[in-house]
Amino acid sequence: MPKPDMPPGALTLLILRVLQSGSLHGYAIAQRIHLLSSEVLAVEEGSLYPALQKMLLKGWVTAEWGISETSRKVRFYRLTAAGRKQLQAEISNYDRVTEAIQAILRTA
């Protein structure tokens, strides 16, 4: 069965939520999303790193170089206070949109 596309805007929400647990490098972020979604969602490098760069520019995450568990030099991303605030806004918006879609599915 083909993998479903990630809904628009969901990647930012998922990255912020995964980083709420602590700092991770890019590959670990993608793997965590994949595993937590029961392997339904796959995050491609071509989407992940541009999203992380935008979050860096907006001040939602910080990044610092470190060494991964496989001894590679990687950037570890960490959620900032502004990122925590944005996460709450993203969750609220997601909940509002999901409720609206569910209402249509129930009544249409």
PDB file of N, CA and C in Angstrom:
ATOM      1  N   MET A   1       0.846  -1.176   0.000  1.00  0.00           N
ATOM      2  CA  MET A   1       0.000   0.000   0.000  1.00  0.00           C
ATOM      3  C   MET A   1       0.894   1.243   0.000  1.00  0.00           C
ATOM      4  N   PRO A   2       0.623   2.238  -0.866  1.00  0.00           N
ATOM      5  CA  PRO A   2       1.462   3.439  -0.897  1.00  0.00           C
ATOM      6  C   PRO A   2       1.308   4.256   0.381  1.00  0.00           C
ATOM      7  N   LYS A   3       2.388   4.959   0.737  1.00  0.00           N
ATOM      8  CA  LYS A   3       2.364   5.817   1.922  1.00  0.00           C
ATOM      9  C   LYS A   3       1.507   7.041   1.640  1.00  0.00           C
ATOM     10  N   PRO A   4       0.651   7.425   2.596  1.00  0.00           N
ATOM     11  CA  PRO A   4      -0.165   8.622   2.382  1.00  0.00           C
ATOM     12  C   PRO A   4       0.695   9.880   2.471  1.00  0.00           C
ATOM     13  N   ASP A   5       0.279  10.909   1.751  1.00  0.00           N
ATOM     14  CA  ASP A   5       0.965  12.190   1.842  1.00  0.00           C
ATOM     15  C   ASP A   5       0.655  12.830   3.183  1.00  0.00           C
ATOM     16  N   MET A   6       1.629  13.564   3.697  1.00  0.00           N
ATOM     17  CA  MET A   6       1.415  14.281   4.938  1.00  0.00           C
ATOM     18  C   MET A   6       0.548  15.508   4.641  1.00  0.00           C
ATOM     19  N   PRO A   7      -0.471  15.764   5.459  1.00  0.00           N
ATOM     20  CA  PRO A   7      -1.306  16.945   5.223  1.00  0.00           C
ATOM     21  C   PRO A   7      -0.479  18.228   5.277  1.00  0.00           C
ATOM     22  N   PRO A   8      -0.838  19.226   4.474  1.00  0.00           N
ATOM     23  CA  PRO A   8      -0.106  20.493   4.491  1.00  0.00           C
ATOM     24  C   PRO A   8      -0.062  21.085   5.900  1.00  0.00           C
ATOM     25  N   GLY A   9       1.107  21.545   6.290  1.00  0.00           N
ATOM     26  CA  GLY A   9       1.269  22.177   7.600  1.00  0.00           C
ATOM     27  C   GLY A   9       1.514  21.210   8.736  1.00  0.00           C
ATOM     28  N   ALA A  10       1.301  19.916   8.501  1.00  0.00           N
ATOM     29  CA  ALA A  10       1.458  18.933   9.577  1.00  0.00           C
ATOM     30  C   ALA A  10       2.918  18.736   9.975  1.00  0.00           C
ATOM     31  N   LEU A  11       3.829  18.891   9.036  1.00  0.00           N
ATOM     32  CA  LEU A  11       5.239  18.632   9.339  1.00  0.00           C
ATOM     33  C   LEU A  11       5.750  19.549  10.443  1.00  0.00           C
ATOM     34  N   THR A  12       5.420  20.827  10.373  1.00  0.00           N
ATOM     35  CA  THR A  12       5.851  21.770  11.407  1.00  0.00           C
ATOM     36  C   THR A  12       5.326  21.335  12.767  1.00  0.00           C
ATOM     37  N   LEU A  13       4.050  21.019  12.825  1.00  0.00           N
ATOM     38  CA  LEU A  13       3.432  20.567  14.068  1.00  0.00           C
ATOM     39  C   LEU A  13       4.145  19.326  14.602  1.00  0.00           C
ATOM     40  N   LEU A  14       4.400  18.356  13.750  1.00  0.00           N
ATOM     41  CA  LEU A  14       5.017  17.107  14.191  1.00  0.00           C
ATOM     42  C   LEU A  14       6.454  17.303  14.659  1.00  0.00           C
ATOM     43  N   ILE A  15       7.207  18.119  13.950  1.00  0.00           N
ATOM     44  CA  ILE A  15       8.596  18.386  14.361  1.00  0.00           C
ATOM     45  C   ILE A  15       8.613  19.063  15.722  1.00  0.00           C
ATOM     46  N   LEU A  16       7.786  20.104  15.886  1.00  0.00           N
ATOM     47  CA  LEU A  16       7.748  20.812  17.166  1.00  0.00           C
ATOM     48  C   LEU A  16       7.350  19.861  18.296  1.00  0.00           C
ATOM     49  N   ARG A  17       6.374  19.013  18.036  1.00  0.00           N
ATOM     50  CA  ARG A  17       5.905  18.086  19.083  1.00  0.00           C
ATOM     51  C   ARG A  17       6.984  17.078  19.448  1.00  0.00           C
ATOM     52  N   VAL A  18       7.683  16.545  18.465  1.00  0.00           N
ATOM     53  CA  VAL A  18       8.745  15.572  18.730  1.00  0.00           C
ATOM     54  C   VAL A  18       9.885  16.230  19.514  1.00  0.00           C
ATOM     55  N   LEU A  19      10.191  17.482  19.196  1.00  0.00           N
ATOM     56  CA  LEU A  19      11.271  18.185  19.895  1.00  0.00           C
ATOM     57  C   LEU A  19      10.883  18.599  21.312  1.00  0.00           C
ATOM     58  N   GLN A  20       9.597  18.545  21.631  1.00  0.00           N
ATOM     59  CA  GLN A  20       9.160  18.889  22.985  1.00  0.00           C
ATOM     60  C   GLN A  20       9.785  17.927  24.006  1.00  0.00           C
ATOM     61  N   SER A  21      10.087  16.723  23.577  1.00  0.00           N
ATOM     62  CA  SER A  21      10.666  15.709  24.468  1.00  0.00           C
ATOM     63  C   SER A  21      12.164  15.902  24.704  1.00  0.00           C
ATOM     64  N   GLY A  22      12.807  16.707  23.868  1.00  0.00           N
ATOM     65  CA  GLY A  22      14.238  16.933  24.019  1.00  0.00           C
ATOM     66  C   GLY A  22      14.900  17.122  22.666  1.00  0.00           C
ATOM     67  N   SER A  23      16.173  17.484  22.693  1.00  0.00           N
ATOM     68  CA  SER A  23      16.873  17.782  21.443  1.00  0.00           C
ATOM     69  C   SER A  23      17.156  16.495  20.663  1.00  0.00           C
ATOM     70  N   LEU A  24      17.067  16.634  19.342  1.00  0.00           N
ATOM     71  CA  LEU A  24      17.320  15.522  18.426  1.00  0.00           C
ATOM     72  C   LEU A  24      17.987  16.045  17.167  1.00  0.00           C
ATOM     73  N   HIS A  25      18.719  15.184  16.478  1.00  0.00           N
ATOM     74  CA  HIS A  25      19.256  15.561  15.175  1.00  0.00           C
ATOM     75  C   HIS A  25      18.225  15.216  14.111  1.00  0.00           C
ATOM     76  N   GLY A  26      18.417  15.736  12.904  1.00  0.00           N
ATOM     77  CA  GLY A  26      17.425  15.620  11.846  1.00  0.00           C
ATOM     78  C   GLY A  26      16.975  14.208  11.552  1.00  0.00           C
ATOM     79  N   TYR A  27      17.915  13.291  11.383  1.00  0.00           N
ATOM     80  CA  TYR A  27      17.543  11.910  11.072  1.00  0.00           C
ATOM     81  C   TYR A  27      16.711  11.310  12.205  1.00  0.00           C
ATOM     82  N   ALA A  28      17.078  11.617  13.443  1.00  0.00           N
ATOM     83  CA  ALA A  28      16.335  11.093  14.597  1.00  0.00           C
ATOM     84  C   ALA A  28      14.922  11.664  14.638  1.00  0.00           C
ATOM     85  N   ILE A  29      14.752  12.927  14.234  1.00  0.00           N
ATOM     86  CA  ILE A  29      13.415  13.530  14.166  1.00  0.00           C
ATOM     87  C   ILE A  29      12.561  12.746  13.167  1.00  0.00           C
ATOM     88  N   ALA A  30      13.106  12.515  11.978  1.00  0.00           N
ATOM     89  CA  ALA A  30      12.378  11.786  10.943  1.00  0.00           C
ATOM     90  C   ALA A  30      12.032  10.373  11.409  1.00  0.00           C
ATOM     91  N   GLN A  31      12.976   9.697  12.044  1.00  0.00           N
ATOM     92  CA  GLN A  31      12.738   8.340  12.529  1.00  0.00           C
ATOM     93  C   GLN A  31      11.677   8.311  13.622  1.00  0.00           C
ATOM     94  N   ARG A  32      11.721   9.285  14.512  1.00  0.00           N
ATOM     95  CA  ARG A  32      10.744   9.338  15.618  1.00  0.00           C
ATOM     96  C   ARG A  32       9.329   9.537  15.074  1.00  0.00           C
ATOM     97  N   ILE A  33       9.180  10.445  14.115  1.00  0.00           N
ATOM     98  CA  ILE A  33       7.865  10.665  13.497  1.00  0.00           C
ATOM     99  C   ILE A  33       7.387   9.377  12.825  1.00  0.00           C
ATOM    100  N   HIS A  34       8.289   8.725  12.120  1.00  0.00           N
ATOM    101  CA  HIS A  34       7.945   7.483  11.425  1.00  0.00           C
ATOM    102  C   HIS A  34       7.495   6.404  12.419  1.00  0.00           C
ATOM    103  N   LEU A  35       8.246   6.228  13.486  1.00  0.00           N
ATOM    104  CA  LEU A  35       7.917   5.200  14.475  1.00  0.00           C
ATOM    105  C   LEU A  35       6.647   5.530  15.251  1.00  0.00           C
ATOM    106  N   LEU A  36       6.505   6.796  15.686  1.00  0.00           N
ATOM    107  CA  LEU A  36       5.329   7.180  16.463  1.00  0.00           C
ATOM    108  C   LEU A  36       4.042   7.125  15.646  1.00  0.00           C
ATOM    109  N   SER A  37       4.162   7.226  14.335  1.00  0.00           N
ATOM    110  CA  SER A  37       2.982   7.148  13.467  1.00  0.00           C
ATOM    111  C   SER A  37       2.704   5.703  13.039  1.00  0.00           C
ATOM    112  N   SER A  38       3.299   4.755  13.735  1.00  0.00           N
ATOM    113  CA  SER A  38       3.181   3.335  13.378  1.00  0.00           C
ATOM    114  C   SER A  38       3.639   3.096  11.944  1.00  0.00           C
ATOM    115  N   GLU A  39       4.668   3.823  11.552  1.00  0.00           N
ATOM    116  CA  GLU A  39       5.312   3.707  10.240  1.00  0.00           C
ATOM    117  C   GLU A  39       4.401   4.106   9.086  1.00  0.00           C
ATOM    118  N   VAL A  40       3.413   4.951   9.373  1.00  0.00           N
ATOM    119  CA  VAL A  40       2.526   5.452   8.322  1.00  0.00           C
ATOM    120  C   VAL A  40       3.127   6.694   7.671  1.00  0.00           C
ATOM    121  N   LEU A  41       3.680   7.592   8.480  1.00  0.00           N
ATOM    122  CA  LEU A  41       4.230   8.839   7.956  1.00  0.00           C
ATOM    123  C   LEU A  41       5.734   8.726   7.757  1.00  0.00           C
ATOM    124  N   ALA A  42       6.181   9.155   6.596  1.00  0.00           N
ATOM    125  CA  ALA A  42       7.610   9.183   6.298  1.00  0.00           C
ATOM    126  C   ALA A  42       7.990  10.625   5.994  1.00  0.00           C
ATOM    127  N   VAL A  43       9.057  11.092   6.623  1.00  0.00           N
ATOM    128  CA  VAL A  43       9.531  12.454   6.406  1.00  0.00           C
ATOM    129  C   VAL A  43      10.777  12.387   5.536  1.00  0.00           C
ATOM    130  N   GLU A  44      10.692  13.004   4.384  1.00  0.00           N
ATOM    131  CA  GLU A  44      11.821  13.019   3.450  1.00  0.00           C
ATOM    132  C   GLU A  44      12.790  14.142   3.819  1.00  0.00           C
ATOM    133  N   GLU A  45      14.074  13.914   3.552  1.00  0.00           N
ATOM    134  CA  GLU A  45      15.091  14.931   3.819  1.00  0.00           C
ATOM    135  C   GLU A  45      14.764  16.243   3.124  1.00  0.00           C
ATOM    136  N   GLY A  46      14.231  16.143   1.904  1.00  0.00           N
ATOM    137  CA  GLY A  46      13.911  17.327   1.122  1.00  0.00           C
ATOM    138  C   GLY A  46      12.817  18.186   1.733  1.00  0.00           C
ATOM    139  N   SER A  47      12.054  17.627   2.654  1.00  0.00           N
ATOM    140  CA  SER A  47      11.030  18.384   3.375  1.00  0.00           C
ATOM    141  C   SER A  47      11.504  18.753   4.778  1.00  0.00           C
ATOM    142  N   LEU A  48      12.194  17.827   5.429  1.00  0.00           N
ATOM    143  CA  LEU A  48      12.598  18.008   6.818  1.00  0.00           C
ATOM    144  C   LEU A  48      13.549  19.180   7.009  1.00  0.00           C
ATOM    145  N   TYR A  49      14.642  19.197   6.261  1.00  0.00           N
ATOM    146  CA  TYR A  49      15.666  20.210   6.520  1.00  0.00           C
ATOM    147  C   TYR A  49      15.224  21.621   6.141  1.00  0.00           C
ATOM    148  N   PRO A  50      14.478  21.825   5.059  1.00  0.00           N
ATOM    149  CA  PRO A  50      13.939  23.170   4.818  1.00  0.00           C
ATOM    150  C   PRO A  50      12.973  23.610   5.927  1.00  0.00           C
ATOM    151  N   ALA A  51      12.168  22.675   6.449  1.00  0.00           N
ATOM    152  CA  ALA A  51      11.255  23.010   7.549  1.00  0.00           C
ATOM    153  C   ALA A  51      12.041  23.393   8.799  1.00  0.00           C
ATOM    154  N   LEU A  52      13.090  22.648   9.102  1.00  0.00           N
ATOM    155  CA  LEU A  52      13.925  22.982  10.257  1.00  0.00           C
ATOM    156  C   LEU A  52      14.602  24.334  10.077  1.00  0.00           C
ATOM    157  N   GLN A  53      15.051  24.625   8.864  1.00  0.00           N
ATOM    158  CA  GLN A  53      15.690  25.917   8.596  1.00  0.00           C
ATOM    159  C   GLN A  53      14.709  27.069   8.822  1.00  0.00           C
ATOM    160  N   LYS A  54      13.464  26.903   8.363  1.00  0.00           N
ATOM    161  CA  LYS A  54      12.445  27.938   8.590  1.00  0.00           C
ATOM    162  C   LYS A  54      12.186  28.133  10.073  1.00  0.00           C
ATOM    163  N   MET A  55      12.157  27.030  10.810  1.00  0.00           N
ATOM    164  CA  MET A  55      11.929  27.117  12.261  1.00  0.00           C
ATOM    165  C   MET A  55      13.093  27.798  12.966  1.00  0.00           C
ATOM    166  N   LEU A  56      14.304  27.559  12.478  1.00  0.00           N
ATOM    167  CA  LEU A  56      15.475  28.253  13.025  1.00  0.00           C
ATOM    168  C   LEU A  56      15.346  29.760  12.807  1.00  0.00           C
ATOM    169  N   LEU A  57      14.985  30.146  11.588  1.00  0.00           N
ATOM    170  CA  LEU A  57      14.864  31.569  11.256  1.00  0.00           C
ATOM    171  C   LEU A  57      13.752  32.245  12.053  1.00  0.00           C
ATOM    172  N   LYS A  58      12.692  31.506  12.365  1.00  0.00           N
ATOM    173  CA  LYS A  58      11.581  32.063  13.139  1.00  0.00           C
ATOM    174  C   LYS A  58      11.851  32.033  14.644  1.00  0.00           C
ATOM    175  N   GLY A  59      12.940  31.389  15.042  1.00  0.00           N
ATOM    176  CA  GLY A  59      13.296  31.329  16.454  1.00  0.00           C
ATOM    177  C   GLY A  59      12.546  30.267  17.238  1.00  0.00           C
ATOM    178  N   TRP A  60      11.924  29.311  16.549  1.00  0.00           N
ATOM    179  CA  TRP A  60      11.176  28.254  17.232  1.00  0.00           C
ATOM    180  C   TRP A  60      12.082  27.140  17.716  1.00  0.00           C
ATOM    181  N   VAL A  61      13.237  26.988  17.073  1.00  0.00           N
ATOM    182  CA  VAL A  61      14.225  25.994  17.485  1.00  0.00           C
ATOM    183  C   VAL A  61      15.610  26.635  17.443  1.00  0.00           C
ATOM    184  N   THR A  62      16.520  26.034  18.182  1.00  0.00           N
ATOM    185  CA  THR A  62      17.937  26.384  18.083  1.00  0.00           C
ATOM    186  C   THR A  62      18.654  25.128  17.613  1.00  0.00           C
ATOM    187  N   ALA A  63      19.879  25.297  17.164  1.00  0.00           N
ATOM    188  CA  ALA A  63      20.658  24.141  16.704  1.00  0.00           C
ATOM    189  C   ALA A  63      22.098  24.285  17.157  1.00  0.00           C
ATOM    190  N   GLU A  64      22.678  23.171  17.504  1.00  0.00           N
ATOM    191  CA  GLU A  64      24.104  23.159  17.826  1.00  0.00           C
ATOM    192  C   GLU A  64      24.704  21.854  17.333  1.00  0.00           C
ATOM    193  N   TRP A  65      25.972  21.936  16.961  1.00  0.00           N
ATOM    194  CA  TRP A  65      26.658  20.764  16.434  1.00  0.00           C
ATOM    195  C   TRP A  65      27.020  19.822  17.564  1.00  0.00           C
ATOM    196  N   GLY A  66      26.947  18.549  17.268  1.00  0.00           N
ATOM    197  CA  GLY A  66      27.315  17.517  18.225  1.00  0.00           C
ATOM    198  C   GLY A  66      27.650  16.236  17.486  1.00  0.00           C
ATOM    199  N   ILE A  67      27.860  15.179  18.249  1.00  0.00           N
ATOM    200  CA  ILE A  67      28.202  13.880  17.684  1.00  0.00           C
ATOM    201  C   ILE A  67      27.032  12.923  17.932  1.00  0.00           C
ATOM    202  N   SER A  68      26.596  12.266  16.863  1.00  0.00           N
ATOM    203  CA  SER A  68      25.466  11.333  16.965  1.00  0.00           C
ATOM    204  C   SER A  68      25.912  10.031  17.612  1.00  0.00           C
ATOM    205  N   GLU A  69      24.934   9.168  17.852  1.00  0.00           N
ATOM    206  CA  GLU A  69      25.216   7.851  18.431  1.00  0.00           C
ATOM    207  C   GLU A  69      26.050   6.989  17.490  1.00  0.00           C
ATOM    208  N   THR A  70      26.143   7.370  16.207  1.00  0.00           N
ATOM    209  CA  THR A  70      26.974   6.646  15.243  1.00  0.00           C
ATOM    210  C   THR A  70      28.285   7.382  14.969  1.00  0.00           C
ATOM    211  N   SER A  71      28.638   8.312  15.861  1.00  0.00           N
ATOM    212  CA  SER A  71      29.898   9.069  15.802  1.00  0.00           C
ATOM    213  C   SER A  71      29.995   9.991  14.598  1.00  0.00           C
ATOM    214  N   ARG A  72      28.877  10.483  14.110  1.00  0.00           N
ATOM    215  CA  ARG A  72      28.872  11.445  13.009  1.00  0.00           C
ATOM    216  C   ARG A  72      28.609  12.838  13.562  1.00  0.00           C
ATOM    217  N   LYS A  73      29.169  13.824  12.897  1.00  0.00           N
ATOM    218  CA  LYS A  73      28.922  15.213  13.276  1.00  0.00           C
ATOM    219  C   LYS A  73      27.539  15.605  12.730  1.00  0.00           C
ATOM    220  N   VAL A  74      26.631  16.012  13.619  1.00  0.00           N
ATOM    221  CA  VAL A  74      25.254  16.344  13.242  1.00  0.00           C
ATOM    222  C   VAL A  74      24.800  17.589  14.007  1.00  0.00           C
ATOM    223  N   ARG A  75      23.733  18.187  13.507  1.00  0.00           N
ATOM    224  CA  ARG A  75      23.122  19.315  14.219  1.00  0.00           C
ATOM    225  C   ARG A  75      21.986  18.789  15.073  1.00  0.00           C
ATOM    226  N   PHE A  76      22.019  19.153  16.346  1.00  0.00           N
ATOM    227  CA  PHE A  76      20.942  18.814  17.264  1.00  0.00           C
ATOM    228  C   PHE A  76      20.020  20.018  17.384  1.00  0.00           C
ATOM    229  N   TYR A  77      18.732  19.786  17.222  1.00  0.00           N
ATOM    230  CA  TYR A  77      17.727  20.844  17.273  1.00  0.00           C
ATOM    231  C   TYR A  77      17.007  20.784  18.609  1.00  0.00           C
ATOM    232  N   ARG A  78      16.753  21.953  19.173  1.00  0.00           N
ATOM    233  CA  ARG A  78      16.088  22.051  20.468  1.00  0.00           C
ATOM    234  C   ARG A  78      14.987  23.091  20.381  1.00  0.00           C
ATOM    235  N   LEU A  79      13.858  22.805  20.989  1.00  0.00           N
ATOM    236  CA  LEU A  79      12.715  23.704  21.022  1.00  0.00           C
ATOM    237  C   LEU A  79      13.023  24.903  21.921  1.00  0.00           C
ATOM    238  N   THR A  80      12.644  26.103  21.482  1.00  0.00           N
ATOM    239  CA  THR A  80      12.804  27.313  22.289  1.00  0.00           C
ATOM    240  C   THR A  80      11.471  27.636  22.964  1.00  0.00           C
ATOM    241  N   ALA A  81      11.475  28.660  23.802  1.00  0.00           N
ATOM    242  CA  ALA A  81      10.225  29.118  24.433  1.00  0.00           C
ATOM    243  C   ALA A  81       9.235  29.556  23.352  1.00  0.00           C
ATOM    244  N   ALA A  82       9.734  30.249  22.337  1.00  0.00           N
ATOM    245  CA  ALA A  82       8.867  30.668  21.227  1.00  0.00           C
ATOM    246  C   ALA A  82       8.338  29.442  20.484  1.00  0.00           C
ATOM    247  N   GLY A  83       9.139  28.398  20.382  1.00  0.00           N
ATOM    248  CA  GLY A  83       8.719  27.166  19.739  1.00  0.00           C
ATOM    249  C   GLY A  83       7.637  26.450  20.533  1.00  0.00           C
ATOM    250  N   ARG A  84       7.745  26.504  21.864  1.00  0.00           N
ATOM    251  CA  ARG A  84       6.703  25.901  22.709  1.00  0.00           C
ATOM    252  C   ARG A  84       5.381  26.643  22.535  1.00  0.00           C
ATOM    253  N   LYS A  85       5.478  27.954  22.447  1.00  0.00           N
ATOM    254  CA  LYS A  85       4.273  28.763  22.231  1.00  0.00           C
ATOM    255  C   LYS A  85       3.666  28.457  20.856  1.00  0.00           C
ATOM    256  N   GLN A  86       4.521  28.344  19.851  1.00  0.00           N
ATOM    257  CA  GLN A  86       4.048  28.020  18.502  1.00  0.00           C
ATOM    258  C   GLN A  86       3.434  26.628  18.456  1.00  0.00           C
ATOM    259  N   LEU A  87       4.016  25.695  19.185  1.00  0.00           N
ATOM    260  CA  LEU A  87       3.458  24.346  19.238  1.00  0.00           C
ATOM    261  C   LEU A  87       2.027  24.382  19.752  1.00  0.00           C
ATOM    262  N   GLN A  88       1.787  25.139  20.800  1.00  0.00           N
ATOM    263  CA  GLN A  88       0.420  25.238  21.340  1.00  0.00           C
ATOM    264  C   GLN A  88      -0.524  25.856  20.306  1.00  0.00           C
ATOM    265  N   ALA A  89      -0.054  26.865  19.592  1.00  0.00           N
ATOM    266  CA  ALA A  89      -0.871  27.479  18.542  1.00  0.00           C
ATOM    267  C   ALA A  89      -1.155  26.483  17.418  1.00  0.00           C
ATOM    268  N   GLU A  90      -0.152  25.712  17.035  1.00  0.00           N
ATOM    269  CA  GLU A  90      -0.318  24.707  15.974  1.00  0.00           C
ATOM    270  C   GLU A  90      -1.316  23.631  16.400  1.00  0.00           C
ATOM    271  N   ILE A  91      -1.225  23.186  17.653  1.00  0.00           N
ATOM    272  CA  ILE A  91      -2.149  22.168  18.162  1.00  0.00           C
ATOM    273  C   ILE A  91      -3.575  22.706  18.170  1.00  0.00           C
ATOM    274  N   SER A  92      -3.750  23.942  18.627  1.00  0.00           N
ATOM    275  CA  SER A  92      -5.089  24.544  18.655  1.00  0.00           C
ATOM    276  C   SER A  92      -5.671  24.644  17.257  1.00  0.00           C
ATOM    277  N   ASN A  93      -4.870  25.083  16.311  1.00  0.00           N
ATOM    278  CA  ASN A  93      -5.329  25.200  14.935  1.00  0.00           C
ATOM    279  C   ASN A  93      -5.663  23.827  14.355  1.00  0.00           C
ATOM    280  N   TYR A  94      -4.822  22.854  14.622  1.00  0.00           N
ATOM    281  CA  TYR A  94      -5.061  21.490  14.133  1.00  0.00           C
ATOM    282  C   TYR A  94      -6.380  20.952  14.704  1.00  0.00           C
ATOM    283  N   ASP A  95      -6.579  21.146  16.008  1.00  0.00           N
ATOM    284  CA  ASP A  95      -7.813  20.668  16.638  1.00  0.00           C
ATOM    285  C   ASP A  95      -9.042  21.332  16.023  1.00  0.00           C
ATOM    286  N   ARG A  96      -8.960  22.627  15.779  1.00  0.00           N
ATOM    287  CA  ARG A  96     -10.087  23.371  15.202  1.00  0.00           C
ATOM    288  C   ARG A  96     -10.419  22.864  13.798  1.00  0.00           C
ATOM    289  N   VAL A  97      -9.400  22.676  12.982  1.00  0.00           N
ATOM    290  CA  VAL A  97      -9.607  22.198  11.615  1.00  0.00           C
ATOM    291  C   VAL A  97     -10.122  20.759  11.618  1.00  0.00           C
ATOM    292  N   THR A  98      -9.557  19.911  12.469  1.00  0.00           N
ATOM    293  CA  THR A  98      -9.997  18.523  12.554  1.00  0.00           C
ATOM    294  C   THR A  98     -11.464  18.433  12.982  1.00  0.00           C
ATOM    295  N   GLU A  99     -11.855  19.235  13.953  1.00  0.00           N
ATOM    296  CA  GLU A  99     -13.256  19.245  14.396  1.00  0.00           C
ATOM    297  C   GLU A  99     -14.172  19.693  13.262  1.00  0.00           C
ATOM    298  N   ALA A 100     -13.769  20.684  12.497  1.00  0.00           N
ATOM    299  CA  ALA A 100     -14.579  21.160  11.384  1.00  0.00           C
ATOM    300  C   ALA A 100     -14.732  20.071  10.320  1.00  0.00           C
ATOM    301  N   ILE A 101     -13.657  19.377  10.013  1.00  0.00           N
ATOM    302  CA  ILE A 101     -13.723  18.304   9.025  1.00  0.00           C
ATOM    303  C   ILE A 101     -14.618  17.170   9.546  1.00  0.00           C
ATOM    304  N   GLN A 102     -14.473  16.816  10.802  1.00  0.00           N
ATOM    305  CA  GLN A 102     -15.308  15.759  11.387  1.00  0.00           C
ATOM    306  C   GLN A 102     -16.783  16.149  11.349  1.00  0.00           C
ATOM    307  N   ALA A 103     -17.089  17.411  11.594  1.00  0.00           N
ATOM    308  CA  ALA A 103     -18.481  17.870  11.547  1.00  0.00           C
ATOM    309  C   ALA A 103     -19.065  17.681  10.141  1.00  0.00           C
ATOM    310  N   ILE A 104     -18.283  18.006   9.149  1.00  0.00           N
ATOM    311  CA  ILE A 104     -18.742  17.833   7.765  1.00  0.00           C
ATOM    312  C   ILE A 104     -18.930  16.353   7.447  1.00  0.00           C
ATOM    313  N   LEU A 105     -17.976  15.524   7.860  1.00  0.00           N
ATOM    314  CA  LEU A 105     -18.083  14.079   7.595  1.00  0.00           C
ATOM    315  C   LEU A 105     -19.294  13.456   8.275  1.00  0.00           C
ATOM    316  N   ARG A 106     -19.673  13.959   9.452  1.00  0.00           N
ATOM    317  CA  ARG A 106     -20.832  13.431  10.169  1.00  0.00           C
ATOM    318  C   ARG A 106     -22.157  13.866   9.573  1.00  0.00           C
ATOM    319  N   THR A 107     -22.194  15.093   9.029  1.00  0.00           N
ATOM    320  CA  THR A 107     -23.493  15.667   8.640  1.00  0.00           C
ATOM    321  C   THR A 107     -23.744  15.781   7.156  1.00  0.00           C
ATOM    322  N   ALA A 108     -22.732  15.685   6.343  1.00  0.00           N
ATOM    323  CA  ALA A 108     -22.930  15.896   4.887  1.00  0.00           C
ATOM    324  C   ALA A 108     -23.618  14.715   4.247  1.00  0.00           C
TER     325      ALA A 108
END
